[in-house]
């Protein structure tokens, strides 16, 4: 799939990103793909290519652009290396709700002006930290986000978090798909139940499922990557977008 290096002007600077589109000439519904906490890397570029192949213009932004660029993490060792773990946590700490929402406005404006993009309805998807970002953006831009997905997302419905995505349920107009991992400390059962209650009470069209796989199951360079769970996630994402982003 074609990839184009782009820059997105934001309120805080310039965000580097890639725009991935189908092979044929034309315009397509847009999707914003949020990476996991380890950041943008070739694995996610490949995932954006695959999503583009389903018929979408996919924006893959480097959400850590404020740092002026970062050395990619080795996901096989980052959690066992204290120095790398500290570096990772410092980047994660900078991704506040205000930052996520502010950047999303810039991403949506950018996509609206691109000739590769058709229509105003946008999809979001994210992995791990990106799953939280995906739902947060859906809650803050209901007029634009028509479909939002989270795969092994973390802290989606924490009771003590005033910025938790579940608190945005009454503002979400998108169809939502959440796929959790088994025995995931980042999204324990009580959060699963709390998110389900919030979406049901608010009337959000949603599906929340638990895959028989570990946290990180959908990302190919993750040590816990699972072929069957990844295939299931691609099928679910294709269905979600086909039902909600197509005219």
Foldseek 3Di string as FASTA:
>chain_A
DDKDWDWFQFPQGIWTKIKEAAPDDAAFAEEEEEEALQFDDVLVVVVNNVVRNLTYTYIYIGLLCNVVDDDGDQQVCQVVDVVSVVVSVVSVVPPDLVSLQRVVVRVLVVLVPDRNHDDQAYEYEYAACRLQSQLSNQLVCQVRYAETEYEQYFQQADPPDPSHSLVSLLRGAHEYEYEHEPPAPRQDPVRVVSSVVSNVVNVHNYDYYYDDFYRPQQGVSHPRHDVVVNVVVVVVVSVRCVVTVDD
